[in-house]
């Protein structure tokens, strides 16, 4: 069963999602109590099928509620709810992910973009500044940190908030310039 799990994860990393889904479903057929298989399948399905992703990630959490890597499931749940446009629910799962592992970057991105979607711009700014404080404690290669800033900007612009951009450690309105 774990061979199918790891093959599914490898297929996902190679951007072969259909093959990944097939392998992960096979692992679940072999062992319906394999939390890792459900978690991986839930992660793969976040954008393609958010409802099934939510179901898989919640099942993984039920099977293994004490897994020290459950922040991955919380983060995947957040992304699936984000894809469904349920931004308040997204934030609930993000908070759990960040509480469990504040140094895992994707939930910070989802938190900022969810707050922007809810037009809670001051909270988005505070979340951005909080993520800067959090990540400044960890030594990052400059390129990775720059990519993080650029990704946040891309997300904000793609959400239709083109009058906002991230400069340094703050969200500024371009009207201020």
C-alpha atoms as a PDB file:
ATOM      1  CA  UNK A   1       0.000   0.000   0.000  1.00  0.00           C
ATOM      2  CA  UNK A   2       2.782   2.470   0.831  1.00  0.00           C
ATOM      3  CA  UNK A   3       4.383   1.843  -2.547  1.00  0.00           C
ATOM      4  CA  UNK A   4       1.188   3.216  -4.095  1.00  0.00           C
ATOM      5  CA  UNK A   5       1.194   6.174  -1.699  1.00  0.00           C
ATOM      6  CA  UNK A   6       4.762   7.145  -2.526  1.00  0.00           C
ATOM      7  CA  UNK A   7       4.259   6.528  -6.223  1.00  0.00           C
ATOM      8  CA  UNK A   8       1.168   8.741  -6.058  1.00  0.00           C
ATOM      9  CA  UNK A   9       3.127  11.492  -4.322  1.00  0.00           C
ATOM     10  CA  UNK A  10       5.910  11.189  -6.912  1.00  0.00           C
ATOM     11  CA  UNK A  11       3.372  11.428  -9.756  1.00  0.00           C
ATOM     12  CA  UNK A  12       1.904  14.527  -8.125  1.00  0.00           C
ATOM     13  CA  UNK A  13       5.333  16.140  -7.864  1.00  0.00           C
ATOM     14  CA  UNK A  14       5.839  15.366 -11.562  1.00  0.00           C
ATOM     15  CA  UNK A  15       2.543  17.167 -12.242  1.00  0.00           C
ATOM     16  CA  UNK A  16       0.822  13.957 -13.322  1.00  0.00           C
ATOM     17  CA  UNK A  17      -2.268  14.455 -11.198  1.00  0.00           C
ATOM     18  CA  UNK A  18      -4.482  11.806 -12.798  1.00  0.00           C
ATOM     19  CA  UNK A  19      -1.825   9.144 -12.258  1.00  0.00           C
ATOM     20  CA  UNK A  20      -1.292  10.393  -8.713  1.00  0.00           C
ATOM     21  CA  UNK A  21      -5.014  10.157  -7.969  1.00  0.00           C
ATOM     22  CA  UNK A  22      -5.128   6.632  -9.378  1.00  0.00           C
ATOM     23  CA  UNK A  23      -2.192   5.445  -7.243  1.00  0.00           C
ATOM     24  CA  UNK A  24      -3.537   7.056  -4.088  1.00  0.00           C
ATOM     25  CA  UNK A  25      -7.003   5.560  -4.621  1.00  0.00           C
ATOM     26  CA  UNK A  26      -5.349   2.154  -5.054  1.00  0.00           C
ATOM     27  CA  UNK A  27      -3.513   2.596  -1.737  1.00  0.00           C
ATOM     28  CA  UNK A  28      -6.851   3.393  -0.051  1.00  0.00           C
ATOM     29  CA  UNK A  29      -8.454   0.300  -1.641  1.00  0.00           C
ATOM     30  CA  UNK A  30      -5.686  -1.830  -0.131  1.00  0.00           C
ATOM     31  CA  UNK A  31      -5.934  -0.170   3.285  1.00  0.00           C
ATOM     32  CA  UNK A  32      -8.978   2.032   3.945  1.00  0.00           C
ATOM     33  CA  UNK A  33      -7.350   3.197   7.212  1.00  0.00           C
ATOM     34  CA  UNK A  34      -4.242   4.672   5.617  1.00  0.00           C
ATOM     35  CA  UNK A  35      -4.247   8.276   6.835  1.00  0.00           C
ATOM     36  CA  UNK A  36      -1.217   9.156   4.694  1.00  0.00           C
ATOM     37  CA  UNK A  37      -3.004   8.038   1.527  1.00  0.00           C
ATOM     38  CA  UNK A  38      -6.119  10.061   2.391  1.00  0.00           C
ATOM     39  CA  UNK A  39      -4.015  13.113   3.231  1.00  0.00           C
ATOM     40  CA  UNK A  40      -2.026  12.882   0.001  1.00  0.00           C
ATOM     41  CA  UNK A  41      -5.187  12.362  -2.064  1.00  0.00           C
ATOM     42  CA  UNK A  42      -6.820  15.304  -0.319  1.00  0.00           C
ATOM     43  CA  UNK A  43      -3.830  17.469  -1.173  1.00  0.00           C
ATOM     44  CA  UNK A  44      -3.869  16.425  -4.843  1.00  0.00           C
ATOM     45  CA  UNK A  45      -7.617  17.099  -5.120  1.00  0.00           C
ATOM     46  CA  UNK A  46      -7.619  20.609  -3.586  1.00  0.00           C
ATOM     47  CA  UNK A  47      -8.054  22.453  -6.878  1.00  0.00           C
ATOM     48  CA  UNK A  48      -9.646  19.711  -8.990  1.00  0.00           C
ATOM     49  CA  UNK A  49     -12.324  18.593  -6.549  1.00  0.00           C
ATOM     50  CA  UNK A  50     -12.435  20.663  -3.343  1.00  0.00           C
ATOM     51  CA  UNK A  51     -15.379  18.737  -1.871  1.00  0.00           C
ATOM     52  CA  UNK A  52     -13.615  15.380  -2.131  1.00  0.00           C
ATOM     53  CA  UNK A  53     -10.409  17.007  -0.899  1.00  0.00           C
ATOM     54  CA  UNK A  54     -12.211  18.184   2.229  1.00  0.00           C
ATOM     55  CA  UNK A  55     -13.646  14.716   2.787  1.00  0.00           C
ATOM     56  CA  UNK A  56     -10.233  13.026   2.358  1.00  0.00           C
ATOM     57  CA  UNK A  57      -8.376  15.448   4.627  1.00  0.00           C
ATOM     58  CA  UNK A  58     -11.000  15.219   7.359  1.00  0.00           C
ATOM     59  CA  UNK A  59     -10.845  11.427   7.154  1.00  0.00           C
ATOM     60  CA  UNK A  60      -7.041  11.541   7.465  1.00  0.00           C
ATOM     61  CA  UNK A  61      -7.431  13.703  10.576  1.00  0.00           C
ATOM     62  CA  UNK A  62     -10.005  11.298  12.051  1.00  0.00           C
ATOM     63  CA  UNK A  63      -7.777   8.273  11.406  1.00  0.00           C
ATOM     64  CA  UNK A  64      -4.647   9.874  12.870  1.00  0.00           C
ATOM     65  CA  UNK A  65      -5.583  12.932  14.957  1.00  0.00           C
ATOM     66  CA  UNK A  66      -2.190  13.116  16.700  1.00  0.00           C
ATOM     67  CA  UNK A  67      -0.008  13.085  13.600  1.00  0.00           C
ATOM     68  CA  UNK A  68       2.631  15.827  14.040  1.00  0.00           C
ATOM     69  CA  UNK A  69       2.280  16.678  10.332  1.00  0.00           C
ATOM     70  CA  UNK A  70      -1.467  17.374  10.473  1.00  0.00           C
ATOM     71  CA  UNK A  71      -0.718  20.992   9.626  1.00  0.00           C
ATOM     72  CA  UNK A  72      -0.467  19.735   6.023  1.00  0.00           C
ATOM     73  CA  UNK A  73      -4.080  18.515   6.234  1.00  0.00           C
ATOM     74  CA  UNK A  74      -5.198  21.760   7.880  1.00  0.00           C
ATOM     75  CA  UNK A  75      -3.483  23.699   5.108  1.00  0.00           C
ATOM     76  CA  UNK A  76      -5.040  21.520   2.396  1.00  0.00           C
ATOM     77  CA  UNK A  77      -8.456  21.970   4.000  1.00  0.00           C
ATOM     78  CA  UNK A  78      -7.892  25.713   3.997  1.00  0.00           C
ATOM     79  CA  UNK A  79      -6.996  25.680   0.302  1.00  0.00           C
ATOM     80  CA  UNK A  80     -10.019  23.513  -0.593  1.00  0.00           C
ATOM     81  CA  UNK A  81     -12.366  25.875   1.263  1.00  0.00           C
ATOM     82  CA  UNK A  82     -10.636  28.806  -0.446  1.00  0.00           C
ATOM     83  CA  UNK A  83     -11.317  27.185  -3.824  1.00  0.00           C
ATOM     84  CA  UNK A  84     -14.996  26.949  -2.840  1.00  0.00           C
ATOM     85  CA  UNK A  85     -15.058  30.653  -1.939  1.00  0.00           C
ATOM     86  CA  UNK A  86     -15.636  29.937   1.762  1.00  0.00           C
ATOM     87  CA  UNK A  87     -13.052  32.356   3.107  1.00  0.00           C
ATOM     88  CA  UNK A  88     -14.192  32.400   6.747  1.00  0.00           C
ATOM     89  CA  UNK A  89     -13.932  28.600   6.876  1.00  0.00           C
ATOM     90  CA  UNK A  90     -10.551  28.896   5.144  1.00  0.00           C
ATOM     91  CA  UNK A  91      -9.325  31.133   7.952  1.00  0.00           C
ATOM     92  CA  UNK A  92     -10.501  28.657  10.630  1.00  0.00           C
ATOM     93  CA  UNK A  93      -8.324  25.892   9.132  1.00  0.00           C
ATOM     94  CA  UNK A  94      -5.424  28.257   8.479  1.00  0.00           C
ATOM     95  CA  UNK A  95      -5.290  29.209  12.136  1.00  0.00           C
ATOM     96  CA  UNK A  96      -4.983  25.544  13.106  1.00  0.00           C
ATOM     97  CA  UNK A  97      -2.197  25.008  10.558  1.00  0.00           C
ATOM     98  CA  UNK A  98      -0.261  28.070  11.707  1.00  0.00           C
ATOM     99  CA  UNK A  99      -0.735  27.174  15.370  1.00  0.00           C
ATOM    100  CA  UNK A 100       0.684  23.708  14.717  1.00  0.00           C
ATOM    101  CA  UNK A 101       3.584  24.917  12.553  1.00  0.00           C
ATOM    102  CA  UNK A 102       4.057  28.684  12.242  1.00  0.00           C
ATOM    103  CA  UNK A 103       7.037  28.189   9.902  1.00  0.00           C
ATOM    104  CA  UNK A 104       5.074  26.430   7.143  1.00  0.00           C
ATOM    105  CA  UNK A 105       4.563  29.194   4.579  1.00  0.00           C
ATOM    106  CA  UNK A 106       1.456  28.226   2.528  1.00  0.00           C
ATOM    107  CA  UNK A 107      -1.070  28.907   5.319  1.00  0.00           C
ATOM    108  CA  UNK A 108       0.286  32.436   5.698  1.00  0.00           C
ATOM    109  CA  UNK A 109      -0.329  33.014   1.991  1.00  0.00           C
ATOM    110  CA  UNK A 110      -3.869  31.617   2.254  1.00  0.00           C
ATOM    111  CA  UNK A 111      -4.577  33.753   5.328  1.00  0.00           C
ATOM    112  CA  UNK A 112      -3.516  36.979   3.644  1.00  0.00           C
ATOM    113  CA  UNK A 113      -5.432  36.245   0.433  1.00  0.00           C
ATOM    114  CA  UNK A 114      -8.562  35.140   2.331  1.00  0.00           C
ATOM    115  CA  UNK A 115      -8.541  38.334   4.335  1.00  0.00           C
ATOM    116  CA  UNK A 116      -8.142  40.349   1.132  1.00  0.00           C
ATOM    117  CA  UNK A 117     -11.076  38.457  -0.435  1.00  0.00           C
ATOM    118  CA  UNK A 118     -13.162  39.311   2.640  1.00  0.00           C
ATOM    119  CA  UNK A 119     -12.042  42.939   2.196  1.00  0.00           C
ATOM    120  CA  UNK A 120     -10.428  42.887   5.649  1.00  0.00           C
ATOM    121  CA  UNK A 121      -7.431  44.824   4.452  1.00  0.00           C
ATOM    122  CA  UNK A 122      -6.152  45.957   7.838  1.00  0.00           C
ATOM    123  CA  UNK A 123      -6.201  42.360   9.069  1.00  0.00           C
ATOM    124  CA  UNK A 124      -4.467  41.274   5.848  1.00  0.00           C
ATOM    125  CA  UNK A 125      -1.794  43.883   6.472  1.00  0.00           C
ATOM    126  CA  UNK A 126      -1.352  42.662  10.061  1.00  0.00           C
ATOM    127  CA  UNK A 127      -1.159  39.037   8.858  1.00  0.00           C
ATOM    128  CA  UNK A 128       1.449  40.038   6.294  1.00  0.00           C
ATOM    129  CA  UNK A 129       3.510  41.841   8.912  1.00  0.00           C
ATOM    130  CA  UNK A 130       3.128  38.847  11.243  1.00  0.00           C
ATOM    131  CA  UNK A 131       4.397  36.502   8.557  1.00  0.00           C
ATOM    132  CA  UNK A 132       7.405  38.768   7.979  1.00  0.00           C
ATOM    133  CA  UNK A 133       8.183  38.694  11.703  1.00  0.00           C
ATOM    134  CA  UNK A 134       7.769  34.915  11.790  1.00  0.00           C
ATOM    135  CA  UNK A 135       9.962  34.277   8.761  1.00  0.00           C
ATOM    136  CA  UNK A 136      12.628  36.784   9.764  1.00  0.00           C
ATOM    137  CA  UNK A 137      13.416  34.423  12.658  1.00  0.00           C
ATOM    138  CA  UNK A 138      14.292  31.692  10.204  1.00  0.00           C
ATOM    139  CA  UNK A 139      17.230  32.034   7.865  1.00  0.00           C
ATOM    140  CA  UNK A 140      15.913  31.836   4.287  1.00  0.00           C
ATOM    141  CA  UNK A 141      17.802  31.983   1.093  1.00  0.00           C
ATOM    142  CA  UNK A 142      17.112  35.417  -0.369  1.00  0.00           C
ATOM    143  CA  UNK A 143      15.643  33.905  -3.534  1.00  0.00           C
ATOM    144  CA  UNK A 144      13.046  31.874  -1.620  1.00  0.00           C
ATOM    145  CA  UNK A 145      12.017  34.899   0.418  1.00  0.00           C
ATOM    146  CA  UNK A 146      11.748  37.012  -2.738  1.00  0.00           C
ATOM    147  CA  UNK A 147       9.606  34.312  -4.372  1.00  0.00           C
ATOM    148  CA  UNK A 148       7.320  34.398  -1.330  1.00  0.00           C
ATOM    149  CA  UNK A 149       6.829  38.185  -1.728  1.00  0.00           C
ATOM    150  CA  UNK A 150       6.229  37.815  -5.457  1.00  0.00           C
ATOM    151  CA  UNK A 151       3.682  35.028  -4.937  1.00  0.00           C
ATOM    152  CA  UNK A 152       1.705  37.143  -2.481  1.00  0.00           C
ATOM    153  CA  UNK A 153       1.656  40.011  -4.995  1.00  0.00           C
ATOM    154  CA  UNK A 154       0.523  37.679  -7.789  1.00  0.00           C
ATOM    155  CA  UNK A 155      -2.318  36.360  -5.664  1.00  0.00           C
ATOM    156  CA  UNK A 156      -3.475  39.809  -4.595  1.00  0.00           C
ATOM    157  CA  UNK A 157      -3.440  41.062  -8.190  1.00  0.00           C
ATOM    158  CA  UNK A 158      -5.221  37.944  -9.469  1.00  0.00           C
ATOM    159  CA  UNK A 159      -7.982  38.529  -6.931  1.00  0.00           C
ATOM    160  CA  UNK A 160      -8.719  41.900  -8.477  1.00  0.00           C
ATOM    161  CA  UNK A 161      -7.077  44.053  -5.834  1.00  0.00           C
ATOM    162  CA  UNK A 162      -4.601  45.597  -8.248  1.00  0.00           C
ATOM    163  CA  UNK A 163      -4.545  48.842  -6.268  1.00  0.00           C
ATOM    164  CA  UNK A 164      -2.726  46.995  -3.494  1.00  0.00           C
ATOM    165  CA  UNK A 165       0.764  45.656  -3.657  1.00  0.00           C
ATOM    166  CA  UNK A 166       3.278  44.409  -1.182  1.00  0.00           C
ATOM    167  CA  UNK A 167       6.346  46.515  -0.694  1.00  0.00           C
ATOM    168  CA  UNK A 168       8.939  45.551   1.862  1.00  0.00           C
ATOM    169  CA  UNK A 169       6.958  44.336   4.880  1.00  0.00           C
ATOM    170  CA  UNK A 170       3.687  46.232   4.460  1.00  0.00           C
ATOM    171  CA  UNK A 171       0.641  46.220   2.188  1.00  0.00           C
ATOM    172  CA  UNK A 172       0.453  49.704   0.659  1.00  0.00           C
ATOM    173  CA  UNK A 173      -2.190  51.304  -1.470  1.00  0.00           C
ATOM    174  CA  UNK A 174      -0.663  52.637  -4.675  1.00  0.00           C
ATOM    175  CA  UNK A 175      -2.604  55.811  -3.962  1.00  0.00           C
ATOM    176  CA  UNK A 176      -0.033  56.536  -1.253  1.00  0.00           C
ATOM    177  CA  UNK A 177       2.759  56.878  -3.803  1.00  0.00           C
END
